[in-house]
Each structure stands twice: as structure tokens, then as C-alpha cells.
Amino acid sequence: MPRSRRRRLPEFPDPLRVERLADNGDGVAHCGEREIRIAGALPGEVVRVSARRRRKGYVQCMSERIEEGVPERVEPFCPQALNCGGCTLQHLDYDAQLLYKSRRLSDALERVGVSAARTLAPVTGPTRGYRRKARLGVRFVPKKGGVLVGFRESGSSLVTETEFCPVLAPAVGERIGRLRELVSRLSAPARIPQIEVAVGDDAASVTIRHLEPMLDSDLAQLRAFSEETEIHVYLQSGGPQSVVKLAPDDGLDRLEYRLTAHGVRLRFHPLDFVQVNAPVNDAMVSQALSLLELEAGERAADLFCGIGNFSLPMAATGAEVVGMEANAELVSRARENCEYNGIADAVFSTVDLYRDPLPEVVGELQCTKLLLDPPRSGALQLVSQLALGRVERIVYVSCNRDTFARDARALVDRGFELGAVGLVDMFPHTGHIESMGLFRR
């Protein structure tokens, strides 16, 4: 059979006017009927572009020159910002970022016919050095001098060529170049596809995924790196269960972070899910508890509880808390954290909240307050089927505005009102929209 010919990328000799921002922060323009997405472009700007690749339904482009700018444009603080996919909005003034995200959230709710009684002020925190969790790509590219370590390029699977990352926690972000050197000296650098970063309050770790066994000389290089940087090294040869610590006797059993407003400390494994922005997480938990209005002796449930990020502060108020989570490892960690903090009024169960029979689960627990923090797919099955007769207040924390709006519609149809809603800016300089809503009967 003849080989299929690769279609040529279109050319855009004339400048384009940007109409809006896509969900990922790219500017959106049109050339005839063709949708153009432009990394680094802002609404209202007129830009000249070059096509990079075709995507389903649009052409991905890069901004080559701005013919007409807008007042909201600022100079990115990272030299790789307009190329790196880790941040897509550094060129947009931060107040304008918050306004853009708040409008996107409001638009999603408006589309489903739900309005909030009041709007909460955005929960914000540091905008640099804030990311304590990240997955960095690794690629061996001889034409670019060898190994690259960093976030993927915007709209691409290629790895950004960089030496440091100012949005990562400094313990790792300032050592990207050092990681490059480390990987380049290993015996099979082309067989290392990624590095997971995890940073606690007092320690940092990297988990190196490797597709070939490590040689003794590799392990010696890794130990030297760990001793020099005080970064704990983990190795992953297969799935999550294959993760082993390079120095198991170094005295660090888990990473840890504190919720300072609640006197709670949470321990976590480097591959556990935790919120990436520690100060924003602290403020988010405080806002959630304020909205729930928990009282001592009251029964509450935390669904999708993870390692206990909300459950333990809820229980610290004197409420009786039940946490539920599908991931047995995270449930085990939540129980460890409960014991670690000396909290007696919290119990945790491994429950698949998408598949297990659920209609009576909250009703049987006689809960009056409920916290939901689901994945991006949302919690439609839960909010549609759970026995909510006793529930007075629900705080819903969402990382997807569209599924949040869909689920808000379902809760309103079941007799709740959206009493308050607001943005939680967990990922500054990105198009990611996290939010919190209070539903009350």
C-alpha cells in the first residue's frame, strides 16, 4: 500500500485577531472556518503566527510577532514561559488571570441555569515556587546537547530545554540543570522517560522512572546526587508498586506537610496525590470548614478523601468524620495520619464511589454535612443517587468547571441552592480552574 502523505501545514501570511482564550490558556482566532489556537496570545491582540501542528478541530500555532498588544500583557518572569507547557499564562497580568478564570466558572454555571447567592473572593497564594508536585519529562536529544529535563512544550510532547523552573518548589526547581547532568551520566539516559517531583515542608524527593535496570555505577551517581542536594531519590522500574527508595535507612519514612491553621500534619508517599500549592491548600481547607459550619459531635462525610487533607481538619473540630476513597493505599495513609495526629473521631473506608452501590451510604451514616472533592470527572452518580435527606450543607471542591456546573445542576434539582461559589487558584499562570461551592438545603 502507498504511504499516506503528511498534509502540509497551512500558512498565515496575514495577522490574526485573537478572540478569546481556550481552556488551556492559548489564544483562539479564526481564519475562515478554521480555528487557530495560538500559544502566548491574548484576547484583543493582533498577532502574526506560524503553524506547528494539526490537531483535531484546530491548528496549533505559535505567536511570532504581536502587531497590536493589550494592556493586560506583562513580561513573563521565566525565559521559557512562552514555549513551556508548564505555564501558559505568565504573559497575562495576575489580576487579569483571576478575572478570566472567575468568568469561565460563571459562564459554566450560567450555561446550566444555576446562579449563586454570593461570590466568594478568590483563594490565592504565592505565584512563584509554589508547585510541590510535578511530573517532568525526560528526553535524550543528541541534537540539543543530550538530555532534556522539564515540562512538555506547549501543545507538544517535546521537552522544554531549560536549566531551572521558577514555579517549582526551589528545592527542585533551581536544580533542573543538575538533574540533566545526573541523568546524562547514567548508563542508559535514553531509557529514562520521566521524573516525579514531590516536596514536603522539610524535605524533597524525585522518583526516577527507568526502563533499564540500574547499574552499580548508576546507583553510586544517584547516591552522590542525593547527598549533595539533600533530595531523596526513589526508583521506579514498573508500576507504582515497583517504587523503591534508594536509601531506605536515611531516616525519612514519609514526606510531610502541615495545615497550620488546624494544627494537623499529613504524611505522604512521593507518588500520593496531594494538592500542589501548600499555602492555597491551607486557605482552601480553612474556607471549606468555615462553609461547612461543623459543630462538635456532628456527623460528616468526606468523599474522595485521599490521605485525609479535609477529613482530619474536619475531625479536629470535634465532628465525627467518615472518609471514603477508592484507592486503598490512600485510605491506609489517611488512617496513618489519623493516628499520627492523635485524632479519634475519624474513620476511613475503601469505597469505589463510582461503582459500589451508593444510594444509602450517606443516609445510613446519618451525616448532616458532606464534603466532596472528586477527580475531574466529577460526582454526578453520587449527587444523583445518594440519600441526602439529612444533609444540610455540602461543600464541593472541583478541579473541572464543566463537571462542577453539571453536578451543581443536579444538586439544585434535588432541592439544594448554590449558596456561595468561588475560585481556588491552585495553579497560577495556567488555564486550570479549581473552585469551591457551598450547597445548602
Protein backbone atom coordinates (compact mmCIF):
# COMPACT_ATOMS: atom_id res chain seq x y z
CA MET A 1 0.00 0.00 0.00
CA PRO A 2 1.30 3.52 -0.74
CA ARG A 3 2.38 5.58 2.23
CA SER A 4 -0.03 8.29 3.29
CA ARG A 5 1.31 11.75 2.59
CA ARG A 6 1.66 14.10 5.53
CA ARG A 7 -0.53 17.13 4.96
CA ARG A 8 1.34 20.40 4.71
CA LEU A 9 0.77 22.86 7.49
CA PRO A 10 -1.20 25.93 6.43
CA GLU A 11 0.47 29.32 6.11
CA PHE A 12 -0.93 32.52 7.62
CA PRO A 13 0.69 35.49 5.87
CA ASP A 14 -1.77 37.97 7.40
CA PRO A 15 -2.00 38.74 11.14
CA LEU A 16 -4.90 37.26 13.09
CA ARG A 17 -7.04 38.90 15.78
CA VAL A 18 -7.39 36.84 18.94
CA GLU A 19 -10.99 36.42 20.08
CA ARG A 20 -10.77 34.56 23.39
CA LEU A 21 -8.71 32.15 25.46
CA ALA A 22 -9.06 28.37 25.20
CA ASP A 23 -9.29 26.27 28.36
CA ASN A 24 -5.52 25.71 28.37
CA GLY A 25 -4.75 29.43 28.03
CA ASP A 26 -3.98 29.53 24.31
CA GLY A 27 -5.43 32.40 22.30
CA VAL A 28 -8.19 31.44 19.84
CA ALA A 29 -8.60 33.05 16.43
CA HIS A 30 -10.20 32.05 13.14
CA CYS A 31 -9.01 32.07 9.56
CA GLY A 32 -12.17 31.50 7.57
CA GLU A 33 -13.81 28.44 9.11
CA ARG A 34 -10.54 27.14 10.53
CA GLU A 35 -9.94 27.51 14.27
CA ILE A 36 -6.45 28.63 15.20
CA ARG A 37 -5.01 28.24 18.71
CA ILE A 38 -2.04 30.43 19.45
CA ALA A 39 0.28 29.87 22.40
CA GLY A 40 1.26 33.16 24.02
CA ALA A 41 -1.54 35.29 22.53
CA LEU A 42 -4.21 37.25 24.43
CA PRO A 43 -7.79 38.31 23.52
CA GLY A 44 -7.87 41.56 21.55
CA GLU A 45 -4.32 41.20 20.25
CA VAL A 46 -3.40 41.11 16.58
CA VAL A 47 -0.57 38.62 16.02
CA ARG A 48 1.42 37.00 13.26
CA VAL A 49 1.65 33.26 13.71
CA SER A 50 3.37 30.16 12.42
CA ALA A 51 1.66 26.76 12.33
CA ARG A 52 3.23 23.99 14.42
CA ARG A 53 0.90 21.04 14.02
CA ARG A 54 -2.62 20.00 13.15
CA ARG A 55 -4.94 18.90 15.92
CA LYS A 56 -8.45 17.51 15.76
CA GLY A 57 -10.63 20.52 15.01
CA TYR A 58 -7.91 23.20 15.04
CA VAL A 59 -4.38 24.18 14.06
CA GLN A 60 -1.84 24.73 16.84
CA CYS A 61 0.28 27.83 16.22
CA MET A 62 2.95 29.92 17.88
CA SER A 63 2.88 33.68 18.14
CA GLU A 64 5.76 35.09 16.06
CA ARG A 65 5.12 38.82 16.42
CA ILE A 66 2.50 40.92 18.19
CA GLU A 67 1.22 43.65 15.88
CA GLU A 68 -1.22 45.09 18.41
CA GLY A 69 -0.95 44.30 22.13
CA VAL A 70 -3.31 44.75 25.08
CA PRO A 71 -2.71 46.44 28.47
CA GLU A 72 -3.06 43.13 30.35
CA ARG A 73 0.11 41.75 28.77
CA VAL A 74 3.13 41.54 31.09
CA GLU A 75 6.68 40.27 30.66
CA PRO A 76 6.94 36.63 31.79
CA PHE A 77 9.35 36.06 34.65
CA CYS A 78 10.53 32.75 33.14
CA PRO A 79 12.54 32.90 29.89
CA GLN A 80 10.86 29.69 28.68
CA ALA A 81 7.29 30.71 29.57
CA LEU A 82 6.00 31.18 26.02
CA ASN A 83 7.38 27.80 24.94
CA CYS A 84 6.90 25.64 28.03
CA GLY A 85 3.57 23.95 28.70
CA GLY A 86 4.04 24.13 32.48
CA CYS A 87 2.78 27.72 32.44
CA THR A 88 0.57 29.09 29.67
CA LEU A 89 -0.49 32.46 31.15
CA GLN A 90 2.65 34.08 32.57
CA HIS A 91 2.25 36.81 29.94
CA LEU A 92 -1.16 37.77 31.40
CA ASP A 93 -1.33 40.09 34.43
CA TYR A 94 -2.22 38.05 37.51
CA ASP A 95 -5.35 40.04 38.40
CA ALA A 96 -6.49 39.51 34.81
CA GLN A 97 -5.82 35.76 35.20
CA LEU A 98 -8.13 35.65 38.20
CA LEU A 99 -10.82 37.61 36.36
CA TYR A 100 -10.55 35.30 33.34
CA LYS A 101 -10.88 32.16 35.45
CA SER A 102 -13.76 33.58 37.51
CA ARG A 103 -15.63 34.45 34.33
CA ARG A 104 -15.06 30.96 32.92
CA LEU A 105 -16.53 29.48 36.09
CA SER A 106 -19.53 31.83 35.99
CA ASP A 107 -20.11 31.05 32.31
CA ALA A 108 -20.20 27.31 33.02
CA LEU A 109 -22.81 27.76 35.74
CA GLU A 110 -24.85 30.12 33.59
CA ARG A 111 -25.00 27.56 30.79
CA VAL A 112 -26.77 25.08 33.10
CA GLY A 113 -29.06 27.72 34.60
CA VAL A 114 -27.53 27.82 38.08
CA SER A 115 -26.70 31.04 39.91
CA ALA A 116 -25.02 31.52 43.27
CA ALA A 117 -26.40 33.61 46.11
CA ARG A 118 -22.93 35.14 46.60
CA THR A 119 -19.47 35.01 45.10
CA LEU A 120 -16.51 34.18 47.30
CA ALA A 121 -13.25 36.08 46.96
CA PRO A 122 -10.65 34.01 45.08
CA VAL A 123 -8.41 31.86 47.27
CA THR A 124 -4.87 32.83 46.25
CA GLY A 125 -1.30 32.32 47.39
CA PRO A 126 2.24 32.54 46.04
CA THR A 127 2.61 32.64 42.27
CA ARG A 128 6.25 31.50 42.14
CA GLY A 129 7.93 28.48 43.65
CA TYR A 130 4.53 27.07 44.55
CA ARG A 131 4.45 23.65 42.84
CA ARG A 132 5.37 20.89 45.26
CA LYS A 133 4.18 18.10 42.93
CA ALA A 134 5.00 17.72 39.24
CA ARG A 135 5.83 15.17 36.57
CA LEU A 136 8.81 16.24 34.50
CA GLY A 137 9.51 14.77 31.10
CA VAL A 138 12.96 13.41 30.25
CA ARG A 139 14.21 13.03 26.69
CA PHE A 140 17.58 12.19 25.20
CA VAL A 141 18.10 14.59 22.26
CA PRO A 142 21.67 14.48 20.88
CA LYS A 143 20.96 17.44 18.55
CA LYS A 144 20.24 19.61 21.61
CA GLY A 145 23.28 18.50 23.53
CA GLY A 146 21.95 15.36 25.21
CA VAL A 147 19.40 15.03 27.98
CA LEU A 148 16.50 17.45 28.48
CA VAL A 149 14.50 17.58 31.73
CA GLY A 150 11.42 19.75 32.18
CA PHE A 151 7.76 20.22 31.38
CA ARG A 152 6.50 19.38 27.91
CA GLU A 153 6.45 22.18 25.38
CA SER A 154 3.13 23.92 24.89
CA GLY A 155 0.93 21.80 22.64
CA SER A 156 3.67 19.23 22.13
CA SER A 157 5.21 16.05 23.52
CA LEU A 158 8.70 17.57 23.27
CA VAL A 159 10.52 18.50 26.47
CA THR A 160 11.32 22.15 27.09
CA GLU A 161 15.02 22.97 27.09
CA THR A 162 15.59 24.68 30.46
CA GLU A 163 18.00 24.88 33.39
CA PHE A 164 15.59 25.97 36.12
CA CYS A 165 11.86 26.32 36.78
CA PRO A 166 10.67 29.30 38.86
CA VAL A 167 7.22 27.85 39.56
CA LEU A 168 8.51 24.57 41.01
CA ALA A 169 9.44 24.48 44.69
CA PRO A 170 13.02 25.85 44.76
CA ALA A 171 14.48 22.64 46.25
CA VAL A 172 13.94 21.04 42.82
CA GLY A 173 13.09 23.95 40.52
CA GLU A 174 16.52 25.50 40.95
CA ARG A 175 18.20 22.16 40.19
CA ILE A 176 16.76 21.21 36.79
CA GLY A 177 20.19 21.66 35.27
CA ARG A 178 21.68 19.43 37.94
CA LEU A 179 19.07 16.76 37.15
CA ARG A 180 20.03 16.97 33.47
CA GLU A 181 23.67 16.39 34.37
CA LEU A 182 22.75 13.48 36.61
CA VAL A 183 20.65 11.67 34.00
CA SER A 184 23.18 12.30 31.25
CA ARG A 185 25.85 10.45 33.26
CA LEU A 186 23.73 7.34 33.83
CA SER A 187 24.33 4.24 31.73
CA ALA A 188 21.03 4.42 29.78
CA PRO A 189 19.78 8.03 29.73
CA ALA A 190 17.57 7.37 26.70
CA ARG A 191 15.63 4.83 28.78
CA ILE A 192 14.51 7.30 31.46
CA PRO A 193 11.18 8.83 30.38
CA GLN A 194 10.14 10.90 33.41
CA ILE A 195 10.91 12.16 36.90
CA GLU A 196 8.22 12.68 39.53
CA VAL A 197 8.84 15.60 41.90
CA ALA A 198 7.38 15.73 45.42
CA VAL A 199 8.25 18.34 48.04
CA GLY A 200 7.16 18.43 51.67
CA ASP A 201 7.63 21.19 54.20
CA ASP A 202 11.08 19.98 55.22
CA ALA A 203 12.25 17.55 52.52
CA ALA A 204 12.10 16.92 48.77
CA SER A 205 12.18 13.81 46.59
CA VAL A 206 12.49 12.75 42.98
CA THR A 207 11.17 9.43 41.66
CA ILE A 208 13.09 8.36 38.57
CA ARG A 209 11.25 6.11 36.13
CA HIS A 210 13.73 3.81 34.39
CA LEU A 211 13.12 1.23 31.67
CA GLU A 212 16.50 -0.49 32.05
CA PRO A 213 17.99 -1.88 35.29
CA MET A 214 20.28 0.50 37.15
CA LEU A 215 23.96 -0.48 37.24
CA ASP A 216 26.07 -0.18 40.38
CA SER A 217 27.77 2.85 38.82
CA ASP A 218 24.31 4.46 38.32
CA LEU A 219 23.36 3.87 41.94
CA ALA A 220 26.62 5.47 43.05
CA GLN A 221 25.86 8.56 40.93
CA LEU A 222 22.35 8.78 42.41
CA ARG A 223 23.63 8.48 45.97
CA ALA A 224 26.15 11.25 45.36
CA PHE A 225 23.38 13.48 43.95
CA SER A 226 21.15 12.78 46.95
CA GLU A 227 23.92 13.54 49.44
CA GLU A 228 24.92 16.73 47.64
CA THR A 229 21.39 18.15 47.21
CA GLU A 230 19.61 16.53 50.19
CA ILE A 231 16.94 15.38 47.73
CA HIS A 232 15.69 11.88 48.48
CA VAL A 233 15.79 9.57 45.46
CA TYR A 234 13.26 6.86 44.62
CA LEU A 235 13.48 4.44 41.69
CA GLN A 236 10.53 3.14 39.66
CA SER A 237 11.14 0.26 37.27
CA GLY A 238 7.48 -0.54 36.54
CA GLY A 239 4.08 0.35 38.01
CA PRO A 240 3.53 2.27 41.28
CA GLN A 241 4.15 -0.88 43.33
CA SER A 242 7.70 -1.10 41.94
CA VAL A 243 8.84 2.15 43.62
CA VAL A 244 11.78 1.65 45.98
CA LYS A 245 13.80 4.14 47.95
CA LEU A 246 17.46 4.42 47.07
CA ALA A 247 18.46 4.86 50.74
CA PRO A 248 15.73 3.20 52.84
CA ASP A 249 17.59 3.81 56.09
CA ASP A 250 18.12 7.56 55.76
CA GLY A 251 15.58 8.36 58.47
CA LEU A 252 12.84 9.77 56.21
CA ASP A 253 9.81 7.47 56.14
CA ARG A 254 7.36 9.91 54.53
CA LEU A 255 7.25 13.46 53.26
CA GLU A 256 5.06 15.74 55.35
CA TYR A 257 3.12 19.00 55.20
CA ARG A 258 1.31 21.00 57.85
CA LEU A 259 -2.11 22.58 57.78
CA THR A 260 -1.03 25.37 60.07
CA ALA A 261 -4.48 26.83 60.69
CA HIS A 262 -5.71 23.49 62.04
CA GLY A 263 -2.72 22.03 63.86
CA VAL A 264 -2.70 18.98 61.58
CA ARG A 265 0.31 17.30 59.94
CA LEU A 266 -0.16 14.99 56.96
CA ARG A 267 2.42 12.47 55.83
CA PHE A 268 2.50 11.24 52.24
CA HIS A 269 4.43 8.99 49.87
CA PRO A 270 6.06 10.79 46.90
CA LEU A 271 3.55 9.26 44.44
CA ASP A 272 0.47 10.04 46.57
CA PHE A 273 -1.94 12.68 45.33
CA VAL A 274 -1.62 15.92 47.30
CA GLN A 275 -2.64 19.46 46.41
CA VAL A 276 0.27 21.15 44.66
CA ASN A 277 0.12 24.61 46.24
CA ALA A 278 0.67 24.38 50.01
CA PRO A 279 -0.47 27.91 51.07
CA VAL A 280 -3.52 27.78 48.79
CA ASN A 281 -4.37 24.32 50.12
CA ASP A 282 -4.17 25.61 53.70
CA ALA A 283 -6.51 28.51 52.88
CA MET A 284 -8.82 26.23 50.87
CA VAL A 285 -9.24 23.82 53.79
CA SER A 286 -9.98 26.75 56.13
CA GLN A 287 -12.63 28.10 53.75
CA ALA A 288 -14.23 24.67 53.37
CA LEU A 289 -14.54 24.25 57.14
CA SER A 290 -15.93 27.75 57.50
CA LEU A 291 -18.61 27.00 54.91
CA LEU A 292 -19.49 23.62 56.43
CA GLU A 293 -20.06 25.18 59.88
CA LEU A 294 -19.21 21.92 61.67
CA GLU A 295 -20.09 21.51 65.32
CA ALA A 296 -18.69 19.14 67.92
CA GLY A 297 -20.46 15.77 67.82
CA GLU A 298 -21.94 16.38 64.37
CA ARG A 299 -21.57 13.59 61.79
CA ALA A 300 -19.92 14.46 58.50
CA ALA A 301 -18.54 12.61 55.47
CA ASP A 302 -15.55 13.38 53.28
CA LEU A 303 -15.96 11.60 49.93
CA PHE A 304 -12.84 11.13 47.78
CA CYS A 305 -10.91 11.76 50.99
CA GLY A 306 -7.40 10.87 49.77
CA ILE A 307 -4.84 10.99 52.58
CA GLY A 308 -7.18 12.99 54.83
CA ASN A 309 -6.49 16.55 53.63
CA PHE A 310 -10.02 17.65 54.60
CA SER A 311 -11.05 14.77 56.87
CA LEU A 312 -8.52 15.37 59.62
CA PRO A 313 -9.15 19.12 59.98
CA MET A 314 -12.88 18.34 59.98
CA ALA A 315 -12.41 15.83 62.77
CA ALA A 316 -10.17 18.27 64.67
CA THR A 317 -13.29 20.46 65.17
CA GLY A 318 -14.84 17.67 67.25
CA ALA A 319 -17.09 16.36 64.46
CA GLU A 320 -17.39 12.64 63.78
CA VAL A 321 -16.00 12.14 60.28
CA VAL A 322 -16.16 9.26 57.82
CA GLY A 323 -13.75 9.38 54.90
CA MET A 324 -14.24 7.30 51.75
CA GLU A 325 -11.78 6.71 48.91
CA ALA A 326 -11.31 4.08 46.18
CA ASN A 327 -7.52 3.95 46.44
CA ALA A 328 -6.64 1.53 49.25
CA GLU A 329 -3.11 2.98 49.55
CA LEU A 330 -4.52 6.44 50.20
CA VAL A 331 -7.00 5.07 52.72
CA SER A 332 -4.13 3.39 54.52
CA ARG A 333 -2.25 6.70 54.53
CA ALA A 334 -5.32 8.52 55.90
CA ARG A 335 -5.50 6.03 58.78
CA GLU A 336 -1.79 6.53 59.45
CA ASN A 337 -2.32 10.29 59.51
CA CYS A 338 -5.25 9.92 61.86
CA GLU A 339 -3.08 8.01 64.32
CA TYR A 340 -0.11 10.33 63.72
CA ASN A 341 -2.23 13.32 64.79
CA GLY A 342 -3.95 11.55 67.68
CA ILE A 343 -7.40 12.06 66.17
CA ALA A 344 -10.00 9.57 67.36
CA ASP A 345 -13.18 10.79 65.64
CA ALA A 346 -12.36 9.85 62.04
CA VAL A 347 -12.73 6.50 60.31
CA PHE A 348 -11.80 5.64 56.73
CA SER A 349 -13.18 3.09 54.28
CA THR A 350 -12.09 1.86 50.87
CA VAL A 351 -15.14 2.50 48.67
CA ASP A 352 -15.26 2.94 44.91
CA LEU A 353 -17.56 5.93 44.81
CA TYR A 354 -18.19 5.44 41.09
CA ARG A 355 -19.01 1.73 41.07
CA ASP A 356 -20.10 0.48 44.50
CA PRO A 357 -23.82 0.55 45.44
CA LEU A 358 -24.30 4.03 46.88
CA PRO A 359 -27.92 5.14 47.36
CA GLU A 360 -27.95 4.70 51.14
CA VAL A 361 -24.33 5.29 52.05
CA VAL A 362 -24.71 8.82 53.43
CA GLY A 363 -28.21 8.18 54.74
CA GLU A 364 -27.04 5.19 56.76
CA LEU A 365 -24.24 7.28 58.25
CA GLN A 366 -26.79 9.93 59.28
CA CYS A 367 -24.49 12.70 58.08
CA THR A 368 -25.63 16.29 58.20
CA LYS A 369 -22.58 17.76 56.45
CA LEU A 370 -20.84 16.46 53.34
CA LEU A 371 -17.58 17.37 51.59
CA LEU A 372 -16.93 16.29 48.00
CA ASP A 373 -13.53 16.58 46.32
CA PRO A 374 -13.83 14.36 43.23
CA PRO A 375 -11.48 13.91 40.25
CA ARG A 376 -12.04 15.85 37.02
CA SER A 377 -14.88 13.51 36.03
CA GLY A 378 -16.97 14.95 38.87
CA ALA A 379 -19.54 13.22 41.07
CA LEU A 380 -22.79 13.06 39.11
CA GLN A 381 -23.63 9.50 40.18
CA LEU A 382 -23.11 10.44 43.81
CA VAL A 383 -25.12 13.64 43.83
CA SER A 384 -27.90 11.95 41.84
CA GLN A 385 -28.20 8.76 43.94
CA LEU A 386 -27.02 9.46 47.48
CA ALA A 387 -29.61 9.58 50.23
CA LEU A 388 -29.33 13.25 51.14
CA GLY A 389 -32.39 13.63 53.34
CA ARG A 390 -30.40 14.54 56.46
CA VAL A 391 -27.73 16.56 54.69
CA GLU A 392 -27.93 20.28 55.39
CA ARG A 393 -24.73 21.51 53.79
CA ILE A 394 -22.45 20.24 51.02
CA VAL A 395 -19.09 21.77 50.18
CA TYR A 396 -17.99 20.72 46.70
CA VAL A 397 -14.34 21.23 45.73
CA SER A 398 -13.83 20.87 41.99
CA CYS A 399 -10.92 20.80 39.54
CA ASN A 400 -13.19 20.91 36.46
CA ARG A 401 -15.61 23.78 35.98
CA ASP A 402 -17.80 21.88 33.49
CA THR A 403 -18.42 18.81 35.66
CA PHE A 404 -18.89 21.11 38.67
CA ALA A 405 -21.59 23.02 36.80
CA ARG A 406 -23.25 19.77 35.69
CA ASP A 407 -23.28 18.43 39.24
CA ALA A 408 -24.46 21.78 40.61
CA ARG A 409 -27.49 21.50 38.32
CA ALA A 410 -28.21 18.01 39.72
CA LEU A 411 -27.98 19.24 43.32
CA VAL A 412 -30.26 22.20 42.62
CA ASP A 413 -32.77 19.80 41.06
CA ARG A 414 -32.68 17.82 44.32
CA GLY A 415 -33.65 20.79 46.45
CA PHE A 416 -30.34 22.48 47.24
CA GLU A 417 -29.31 26.04 46.43
CA LEU A 418 -25.85 27.19 45.49
CA GLY A 419 -25.27 29.45 48.46
CA ALA A 420 -21.76 30.53 47.50
CA VAL A 421 -19.13 29.82 44.89
CA GLY A 422 -15.59 30.99 44.29
CA LEU A 423 -12.31 30.37 42.55
CA VAL A 424 -9.44 28.48 44.20
CA ASP A 425 -6.30 29.41 42.25
CA MET A 426 -4.27 26.28 42.90
CA PHE A 427 -2.30 26.64 39.61
CA PRO A 428 -1.33 30.28 38.92
CA HIS A 429 -0.22 31.08 35.37
CA THR A 430 -2.16 28.16 33.90
CA GLY A 431 -5.65 27.79 32.48
CA HIS A 432 -6.54 25.32 35.25
CA ILE A 433 -9.71 26.34 37.09
CA GLU A 434 -10.35 24.97 40.57
CA SER A 435 -13.39 26.08 42.53
CA MET A 436 -15.42 25.61 45.69
CA GLY A 437 -19.17 25.75 46.09
CA LEU A 438 -21.48 25.66 49.10
CA PHE A 439 -24.82 23.91 48.61
CA ARG A 440 -27.44 24.20 51.32
CA ARG A 441 -30.95 22.96 51.62
